[in-house]
Amino acid sequence: MFEDEQIIRELIMYSYEKMENNHAYPFCAFIVKDSVIISKGFNDRINSYGDKTTHGEMEAMKKACIELHSGIILKGYSLYSTCEPCLACFDSALWSQINRFVFSVSHNDFPEYFNDHPYSIKDYQNDNPNEIMVVRDVLHEEGIRLFKTAKDKYGW
């Protein structure tokens, strides 16, 4: 989908900017509705404070809820992420009633980031058919380059 590519392209650029200016990891996310970016998030606090609960997806969801005065409900919104959301982010998105997920790279591309849990979004889809929509591998090669750049920068 062309709109998905445009948004992921902007998300990847945002991620490079945050790596350069904020020393963030490349795990960034947008909350989107009708092709409009509602909020953006990156994982600055993970690096700065060692707070593993503040992933880019969590930050984007929190900002969207504040911006929209929606409580915790984001029904009808999409979560765009540079990388397949971890289970904590995915579960939080489900609790917020997000049912569309779009990402560039998956846990299979960088298994070293996903070695702490065996369950994936694909497993959830298999267990709950037709409940969520997932668009994978959008601008996949650009996403791979982003994460390889981060690995070189941070020595992972």
N, C-alpha and C. Protein backbone atom coordinates (compact mmCIF):
# COMPACT_ATOMS: atom_id res chain seq x y z
N MET A 1 0.84 -1.17 0.00
CA MET A 1 0.00 0.00 0.00
C MET A 1 0.89 1.24 0.00
N PHE A 2 0.66 2.15 -0.92
CA PHE A 2 1.49 3.33 -1.08
C PHE A 2 1.50 4.21 0.17
N GLU A 3 0.34 4.40 0.80
CA GLU A 3 0.28 5.23 2.02
C GLU A 3 1.13 4.62 3.12
N ASP A 4 1.11 3.30 3.24
CA ASP A 4 1.94 2.64 4.25
C ASP A 4 3.41 2.90 3.98
N GLU A 5 3.81 2.84 2.73
CA GLU A 5 5.21 3.11 2.39
C GLU A 5 5.60 4.54 2.72
N GLN A 6 4.74 5.50 2.43
CA GLN A 6 5.04 6.90 2.76
C GLN A 6 5.22 7.08 4.25
N ILE A 7 4.35 6.50 5.03
CA ILE A 7 4.42 6.67 6.49
C ILE A 7 5.64 5.95 7.05
N ILE A 8 5.92 4.74 6.58
CA ILE A 8 7.11 4.02 7.05
C ILE A 8 8.37 4.77 6.63
N ARG A 9 8.38 5.34 5.45
CA ARG A 9 9.55 6.14 5.02
C ARG A 9 9.78 7.30 5.99
N GLU A 10 8.72 8.00 6.34
CA GLU A 10 8.84 9.10 7.30
C GLU A 10 9.28 8.58 8.67
N LEU A 11 8.76 7.42 9.06
CA LEU A 11 9.14 6.82 10.34
C LEU A 11 10.62 6.45 10.36
N ILE A 12 11.13 5.90 9.29
CA ILE A 12 12.55 5.55 9.22
C ILE A 12 13.40 6.82 9.29
N MET A 13 13.00 7.87 8.60
CA MET A 13 13.73 9.14 8.67
C MET A 13 13.71 9.68 10.11
N TYR A 14 12.56 9.60 10.76
CA TYR A 14 12.41 10.03 12.15
C TYR A 14 13.37 9.22 13.04
N SER A 15 13.46 7.94 12.79
CA SER A 15 14.33 7.08 13.57
C SER A 15 15.80 7.46 13.41
N TYR A 16 16.23 7.73 12.17
CA TYR A 16 17.61 8.19 11.95
C TYR A 16 17.85 9.50 12.70
N GLU A 17 16.88 10.40 12.65
CA GLU A 17 17.01 11.68 13.34
C GLU A 17 17.16 11.47 14.85
N LYS A 18 16.36 10.59 15.42
CA LYS A 18 16.42 10.34 16.86
C LYS A 18 17.72 9.63 17.25
N MET A 19 18.23 8.77 16.38
CA MET A 19 19.53 8.14 16.66
C MET A 19 20.64 9.19 16.66
N GLU A 20 20.56 10.10 15.72
CA GLU A 20 21.60 11.14 15.60
C GLU A 20 21.51 12.18 16.71
N ASN A 21 20.33 12.68 16.98
CA ASN A 21 20.17 13.81 17.90
C ASN A 21 19.89 13.41 19.35
N ASN A 22 19.35 12.22 19.57
CA ASN A 22 18.95 11.81 20.92
C ASN A 22 19.64 10.52 21.37
N HIS A 23 20.50 9.97 20.53
CA HIS A 23 21.19 8.70 20.83
C HIS A 23 20.18 7.59 21.14
N ALA A 24 19.05 7.64 20.47
CA ALA A 24 18.00 6.64 20.66
C ALA A 24 18.29 5.40 19.83
N TYR A 25 17.73 4.31 20.25
CA TYR A 25 17.75 3.11 19.44
C TYR A 25 16.72 3.29 18.32
N PRO A 26 16.78 2.46 17.29
CA PRO A 26 15.92 2.69 16.11
C PRO A 26 14.48 2.19 16.25
N PHE A 27 14.06 1.81 17.44
CA PHE A 27 12.71 1.31 17.66
C PHE A 27 11.77 2.50 17.85
N CYS A 28 11.21 2.99 16.75
CA CYS A 28 10.35 4.17 16.78
C CYS A 28 8.97 3.80 16.25
N ALA A 29 7.98 4.64 16.60
CA ALA A 29 6.60 4.31 16.21
C ALA A 29 5.77 5.56 16.01
N PHE A 30 4.74 5.42 15.20
CA PHE A 30 3.73 6.45 14.98
C PHE A 30 2.36 5.84 15.24
N ILE A 31 1.45 6.67 15.74
CA ILE A 31 0.03 6.32 15.76
C ILE A 31 -0.60 7.12 14.63
N VAL A 32 -1.38 6.44 13.78
CA VAL A 32 -1.89 7.03 12.54
C VAL A 32 -3.38 6.74 12.39
N LYS A 33 -4.09 7.73 11.87
CA LYS A 33 -5.49 7.51 11.48
C LYS A 33 -5.74 8.26 10.18
N ASP A 34 -6.32 7.57 9.22
CA ASP A 34 -6.64 8.16 7.92
C ASP A 34 -5.43 8.84 7.29
N SER A 35 -4.29 8.18 7.36
CA SER A 35 -3.01 8.65 6.79
C SER A 35 -2.45 9.88 7.47
N VAL A 36 -2.98 10.25 8.63
CA VAL A 36 -2.48 11.39 9.39
C VAL A 36 -1.74 10.86 10.62
N ILE A 37 -0.51 11.32 10.79
CA ILE A 37 0.27 10.93 11.95
C ILE A 37 -0.23 11.73 13.15
N ILE A 38 -0.72 11.03 14.15
CA ILE A 38 -1.30 11.64 15.34
C ILE A 38 -0.21 11.87 16.40
N SER A 39 0.69 10.90 16.54
CA SER A 39 1.76 11.02 17.54
C SER A 39 2.97 10.20 17.10
N LYS A 40 4.10 10.55 17.71
CA LYS A 40 5.37 9.88 17.42
C LYS A 40 6.01 9.48 18.73
N GLY A 41 6.74 8.37 18.69
CA GLY A 41 7.44 7.94 19.88
C GLY A 41 8.77 7.28 19.54
N PHE A 42 9.72 7.46 20.46
CA PHE A 42 11.01 6.79 20.35
C PHE A 42 11.43 6.37 21.75
N ASN A 43 12.45 5.55 21.85
CA ASN A 43 12.77 4.93 23.14
C ASN A 43 13.91 5.63 23.87
N ASP A 44 13.89 6.92 23.92
CA ASP A 44 14.93 7.69 24.59
C ASP A 44 15.16 7.26 26.03
N ARG A 45 14.13 6.98 26.76
CA ARG A 45 14.28 6.66 28.18
C ARG A 45 14.95 5.31 28.42
N ILE A 46 14.87 4.43 27.46
CA ILE A 46 15.55 3.14 27.62
C ILE A 46 17.04 3.38 27.72
N ASN A 47 17.58 4.21 26.84
CA ASN A 47 19.00 4.50 26.86
C ASN A 47 19.38 5.41 28.03
N SER A 48 18.60 6.46 28.24
CA SER A 48 18.94 7.46 29.25
C SER A 48 18.74 6.97 30.67
N TYR A 49 17.67 6.22 30.89
CA TYR A 49 17.29 5.87 32.26
C TYR A 49 17.22 4.37 32.52
N GLY A 50 17.46 3.57 31.51
CA GLY A 50 17.36 2.13 31.69
C GLY A 50 15.93 1.65 31.94
N ASP A 51 14.96 2.41 31.46
CA ASP A 51 13.55 2.09 31.67
C ASP A 51 13.02 1.31 30.47
N LYS A 52 12.94 0.01 30.62
CA LYS A 52 12.53 -0.84 29.51
C LYS A 52 11.04 -0.75 29.18
N THR A 53 10.26 -0.03 29.97
CA THR A 53 8.83 0.07 29.69
C THR A 53 8.50 1.21 28.74
N THR A 54 9.46 1.99 28.36
CA THR A 54 9.16 3.16 27.52
C THR A 54 9.68 2.95 26.10
N HIS A 55 9.16 1.96 25.45
CA HIS A 55 9.48 1.72 24.05
C HIS A 55 8.84 2.80 23.19
N GLY A 56 9.31 2.91 21.95
CA GLY A 56 8.74 3.89 21.03
C GLY A 56 7.24 3.73 20.85
N GLU A 57 6.78 2.49 20.78
CA GLU A 57 5.35 2.24 20.61
C GLU A 57 4.57 2.74 21.83
N MET A 58 5.10 2.46 23.02
CA MET A 58 4.42 2.90 24.25
C MET A 58 4.35 4.43 24.31
N GLU A 59 5.44 5.08 23.94
CA GLU A 59 5.48 6.54 23.96
C GLU A 59 4.47 7.12 22.95
N ALA A 60 4.42 6.55 21.76
CA ALA A 60 3.48 7.04 20.74
C ALA A 60 2.03 6.84 21.19
N MET A 61 1.72 5.69 21.81
CA MET A 61 0.36 5.45 22.29
C MET A 61 0.00 6.42 23.41
N LYS A 62 0.93 6.62 24.33
CA LYS A 62 0.67 7.54 25.45
C LYS A 62 0.41 8.96 24.93
N LYS A 63 1.24 9.41 24.01
CA LYS A 63 1.07 10.76 23.44
C LYS A 63 -0.26 10.88 22.69
N ALA A 64 -0.62 9.84 21.94
CA ALA A 64 -1.89 9.88 21.20
C ALA A 64 -3.08 9.97 22.15
N CYS A 65 -3.05 9.20 23.21
CA CYS A 65 -4.17 9.24 24.18
C CYS A 65 -4.29 10.62 24.82
N ILE A 66 -3.15 11.24 25.12
CA ILE A 66 -3.17 12.58 25.71
C ILE A 66 -3.68 13.59 24.68
N GLU A 67 -3.16 13.52 23.47
CA GLU A 67 -3.54 14.45 22.41
C GLU A 67 -5.02 14.35 22.08
N LEU A 68 -5.53 13.14 22.05
CA LEU A 68 -6.91 12.90 21.64
C LEU A 68 -7.89 12.93 22.81
N HIS A 69 -7.38 13.02 24.01
CA HIS A 69 -8.23 12.98 25.22
C HIS A 69 -9.12 11.73 25.17
N SER A 70 -8.51 10.60 24.81
CA SER A 70 -9.28 9.39 24.56
C SER A 70 -9.21 8.38 25.69
N GLY A 71 -8.66 8.76 26.82
CA GLY A 71 -8.43 7.74 27.84
C GLY A 71 -7.37 6.81 27.33
N ILE A 72 -7.68 5.55 27.27
CA ILE A 72 -6.70 4.60 26.73
C ILE A 72 -7.17 3.96 25.43
N ILE A 73 -8.26 4.44 24.86
CA ILE A 73 -8.85 3.80 23.68
C ILE A 73 -8.37 4.47 22.40
N LEU A 74 -7.81 3.67 21.51
CA LEU A 74 -7.34 4.14 20.20
C LEU A 74 -7.97 3.30 19.09
N LYS A 75 -9.22 2.95 19.27
CA LYS A 75 -9.94 2.14 18.28
C LYS A 75 -9.99 2.90 16.96
N GLY A 76 -9.65 2.20 15.87
CA GLY A 76 -9.67 2.80 14.55
C GLY A 76 -8.33 3.41 14.14
N TYR A 77 -7.35 3.35 15.03
CA TYR A 77 -6.02 3.88 14.74
C TYR A 77 -5.09 2.73 14.39
N SER A 78 -3.99 3.08 13.72
CA SER A 78 -2.98 2.08 13.35
C SER A 78 -1.68 2.39 14.07
N LEU A 79 -0.95 1.33 14.39
CA LEU A 79 0.37 1.46 14.98
C LEU A 79 1.40 1.13 13.90
N TYR A 80 2.23 2.11 13.56
CA TYR A 80 3.33 1.92 12.62
C TYR A 80 4.61 1.86 13.44
N SER A 81 5.46 0.90 13.13
CA SER A 81 6.69 0.73 13.87
C SER A 81 7.83 0.36 12.93
N THR A 82 9.02 0.79 13.29
CA THR A 82 10.17 0.41 12.47
C THR A 82 10.40 -1.10 12.54
N CYS A 83 10.05 -1.69 13.67
CA CYS A 83 10.27 -3.11 13.89
C CYS A 83 9.01 -3.74 14.47
N GLU A 84 8.80 -4.98 14.21
CA GLU A 84 7.66 -5.69 14.79
C GLU A 84 7.60 -5.42 16.29
N PRO A 85 6.48 -4.95 16.78
CA PRO A 85 6.39 -4.64 18.21
C PRO A 85 6.65 -5.86 19.09
N CYS A 86 7.33 -5.61 20.20
CA CYS A 86 7.53 -6.67 21.18
C CYS A 86 6.18 -7.01 21.81
N LEU A 87 6.14 -8.04 22.60
CA LEU A 87 4.87 -8.46 23.19
C LEU A 87 4.28 -7.41 24.12
N ALA A 88 5.10 -6.69 24.86
CA ALA A 88 4.58 -5.65 25.76
C ALA A 88 3.90 -4.55 24.96
N CYS A 89 4.53 -4.11 23.90
CA CYS A 89 3.95 -3.05 23.06
C CYS A 89 2.71 -3.56 22.32
N PHE A 90 2.81 -4.75 21.79
CA PHE A 90 1.69 -5.34 21.07
C PHE A 90 0.49 -5.50 21.99
N ASP A 91 0.70 -6.02 23.18
CA ASP A 91 -0.40 -6.23 24.12
C ASP A 91 -1.01 -4.89 24.54
N SER A 92 -0.17 -3.89 24.77
CA SER A 92 -0.68 -2.55 25.12
C SER A 92 -1.53 -1.98 23.99
N ALA A 93 -1.08 -2.20 22.76
CA ALA A 93 -1.86 -1.73 21.61
C ALA A 93 -3.21 -2.44 21.54
N LEU A 94 -3.21 -3.74 21.79
CA LEU A 94 -4.47 -4.48 21.80
C LEU A 94 -5.39 -3.95 22.89
N TRP A 95 -4.85 -3.67 24.08
CA TRP A 95 -5.67 -3.11 25.16
C TRP A 95 -6.26 -1.77 24.77
N SER A 96 -5.50 -1.03 23.95
CA SER A 96 -5.99 0.28 23.48
C SER A 96 -6.94 0.13 22.29
N GLN A 97 -7.19 -1.09 21.87
CA GLN A 97 -8.09 -1.44 20.78
C GLN A 97 -7.54 -1.09 19.40
N ILE A 98 -6.23 -0.93 19.30
CA ILE A 98 -5.60 -0.82 17.98
C ILE A 98 -5.68 -2.20 17.35
N ASN A 99 -6.08 -2.24 16.08
CA ASN A 99 -6.17 -3.56 15.44
C ASN A 99 -5.45 -3.61 14.09
N ARG A 100 -4.67 -2.56 13.79
CA ARG A 100 -3.89 -2.56 12.54
C ARG A 100 -2.45 -2.23 12.88
N PHE A 101 -1.54 -3.09 12.44
CA PHE A 101 -0.12 -2.97 12.75
C PHE A 101 0.67 -2.99 11.45
N VAL A 102 1.57 -2.03 11.30
CA VAL A 102 2.38 -1.93 10.09
C VAL A 102 3.83 -1.77 10.53
N PHE A 103 4.72 -2.60 9.99
CA PHE A 103 6.12 -2.47 10.38
C PHE A 103 7.05 -2.86 9.24
N SER A 104 8.32 -2.46 9.39
CA SER A 104 9.31 -2.66 8.35
C SER A 104 10.08 -3.97 8.52
N VAL A 105 10.66 -4.20 9.68
CA VAL A 105 11.42 -5.43 9.91
C VAL A 105 10.72 -6.26 10.98
N SER A 106 10.96 -7.55 10.97
CA SER A 106 10.29 -8.44 11.92
C SER A 106 11.28 -9.04 12.90
N HIS A 107 10.74 -9.76 13.85
CA HIS A 107 11.60 -10.42 14.84
C HIS A 107 12.50 -11.46 14.18
N ASN A 108 12.13 -11.95 13.02
CA ASN A 108 12.97 -12.91 12.31
C ASN A 108 14.21 -12.26 11.70
N ASP A 109 14.13 -10.97 11.40
CA ASP A 109 15.26 -10.27 10.82
C ASP A 109 16.37 -10.02 11.84
N PHE A 110 16.00 -9.80 13.09
CA PHE A 110 16.95 -9.51 14.15
C PHE A 110 16.58 -10.31 15.41
N PRO A 111 16.79 -11.62 15.37
CA PRO A 111 16.37 -12.45 16.50
C PRO A 111 17.06 -12.08 17.81
N GLU A 112 18.20 -11.42 17.74
CA GLU A 112 18.90 -11.04 18.97
C GLU A 112 18.09 -10.03 19.81
N TYR A 113 17.15 -9.33 19.18
CA TYR A 113 16.31 -8.39 19.92
C TYR A 113 15.07 -9.07 20.49
N PHE A 114 14.78 -10.27 20.06
CA PHE A 114 13.55 -10.94 20.44
C PHE A 114 13.83 -12.30 21.06
N ASN A 115 14.93 -12.40 21.77
CA ASN A 115 15.29 -13.69 22.34
C ASN A 115 14.64 -13.96 23.69
N ASP A 116 13.86 -13.01 24.19
CA ASP A 116 13.28 -13.17 25.52
C ASP A 116 11.83 -13.67 25.50
N HIS A 117 11.28 -13.88 24.32
CA HIS A 117 9.92 -14.41 24.28
C HIS A 117 9.69 -15.18 22.98
N PRO A 118 9.07 -16.34 23.07
CA PRO A 118 8.86 -17.16 21.89
C PRO A 118 7.59 -16.83 21.11
N TYR A 119 6.65 -16.08 21.72
CA TYR A 119 5.36 -15.80 21.11
C TYR A 119 5.49 -14.56 20.23
N SER A 120 4.78 -14.52 19.10
CA SER A 120 4.89 -13.40 18.17
C SER A 120 3.50 -12.93 17.72
N ILE A 121 3.50 -11.85 17.00
CA ILE A 121 2.25 -11.35 16.42
C ILE A 121 1.64 -12.39 15.49
N LYS A 122 2.47 -13.09 14.76
CA LYS A 122 1.98 -14.15 13.87
C LYS A 122 1.25 -15.23 14.67
N ASP A 123 1.79 -15.58 15.83
CA ASP A 123 1.12 -16.56 16.69
C ASP A 123 -0.25 -16.04 17.12
N TYR A 124 -0.31 -14.76 17.48
CA TYR A 124 -1.59 -14.16 17.88
C TYR A 124 -2.58 -14.22 16.72
N GLN A 125 -2.10 -13.89 15.52
CA GLN A 125 -2.98 -13.96 14.34
C GLN A 125 -3.50 -15.37 14.14
N ASN A 126 -2.65 -16.36 14.30
CA ASN A 126 -3.07 -17.75 14.13
C ASN A 126 -4.10 -18.15 15.19
N ASP A 127 -3.91 -17.65 16.42
CA ASP A 127 -4.83 -17.99 17.51
C ASP A 127 -6.13 -17.20 17.44
N ASN A 128 -6.12 -16.03 16.77
CA ASN A 128 -7.27 -15.13 16.72
C ASN A 128 -7.49 -14.64 15.29
N PRO A 129 -7.87 -15.53 14.39
CA PRO A 129 -8.00 -15.13 12.99
C PRO A 129 -9.00 -13.98 12.81
N ASN A 130 -8.68 -13.09 11.90
CA ASN A 130 -9.53 -11.95 11.52
C ASN A 130 -9.70 -10.89 12.61
N GLU A 131 -8.94 -10.97 13.69
CA GLU A 131 -9.08 -9.97 14.76
C GLU A 131 -8.21 -8.74 14.52
N ILE A 132 -7.04 -8.95 13.91
CA ILE A 132 -6.14 -7.83 13.64
C ILE A 132 -5.67 -7.89 12.19
N MET A 133 -5.21 -6.74 11.71
CA MET A 133 -4.62 -6.67 10.38
C MET A 133 -3.14 -6.32 10.55
N VAL A 134 -2.28 -7.07 9.90
CA VAL A 134 -0.85 -6.84 10.00
C VAL A 134 -0.28 -6.68 8.60
N VAL A 135 0.48 -5.61 8.42
CA VAL A 135 1.18 -5.36 7.17
C VAL A 135 2.67 -5.41 7.48
N ARG A 136 3.33 -6.42 6.98
CA ARG A 136 4.74 -6.67 7.28
C ARG A 136 5.66 -6.24 6.14
N ASP A 137 6.92 -6.03 6.51
CA ASP A 137 8.00 -5.84 5.53
C ASP A 137 7.82 -4.63 4.63
N VAL A 138 7.20 -3.57 5.14
CA VAL A 138 7.05 -2.35 4.35
C VAL A 138 8.41 -1.65 4.32
N LEU A 139 8.90 -1.38 3.13
CA LEU A 139 10.25 -0.82 2.93
C LEU A 139 11.28 -1.64 3.72
N HIS A 140 11.18 -2.93 3.56
CA HIS A 140 11.97 -3.88 4.33
C HIS A 140 13.48 -3.62 4.24
N GLU A 141 14.00 -3.42 3.04
CA GLU A 141 15.45 -3.21 2.89
C GLU A 141 15.90 -1.93 3.58
N GLU A 142 15.08 -0.88 3.52
CA GLU A 142 15.42 0.36 4.22
C GLU A 142 15.42 0.14 5.73
N GLY A 143 14.48 -0.66 6.21
CA GLY A 143 14.43 -1.00 7.63
C GLY A 143 15.65 -1.80 8.07
N ILE A 144 16.06 -2.74 7.25
CA ILE A 144 17.26 -3.53 7.55
C ILE A 144 18.47 -2.60 7.64
N ARG A 145 18.59 -1.67 6.69
CA ARG A 145 19.72 -0.71 6.73
C ARG A 145 19.69 0.13 8.01
N LEU A 146 18.50 0.56 8.41
CA LEU A 146 18.37 1.34 9.64
C LEU A 146 18.92 0.57 10.83
N PHE A 147 18.52 -0.68 10.99
CA PHE A 147 18.96 -1.46 12.14
C PHE A 147 20.43 -1.84 12.05
N LYS A 148 20.94 -2.06 10.85
CA LYS A 148 22.38 -2.31 10.70
C LYS A 148 23.18 -1.06 11.06
N THR A 149 22.67 0.12 10.70
CA THR A 149 23.32 1.38 11.08
C THR A 149 23.35 1.50 12.60
N ALA A 150 22.25 1.17 13.25
CA ALA A 150 22.19 1.25 14.71
C ALA A 150 23.16 0.24 15.34
N LYS A 151 23.25 -0.96 14.79
CA LYS A 151 24.18 -1.95 15.32
C LYS A 151 25.62 -1.44 15.22
N ASP A 152 25.96 -0.82 14.08
CA ASP A 152 27.30 -0.26 13.91
C ASP A 152 27.53 0.89 14.89
N LYS A 153 26.55 1.73 15.07
CA LYS A 153 26.67 2.90 15.94
C LYS A 153 26.83 2.50 17.41
N TYR A 154 26.03 1.53 17.85
CA TYR A 154 25.99 1.19 19.27
C TYR A 154 26.77 -0.07 19.64
N GLY A 155 27.32 -0.75 18.62
CA GLY A 155 28.11 -1.93 18.89
C GLY A 155 27.34 -3.12 19.42
N TRP A 156 26.11 -3.29 19.00
CA TRP A 156 25.30 -4.43 19.46
C TRP A 156 25.83 -5.72 18.89
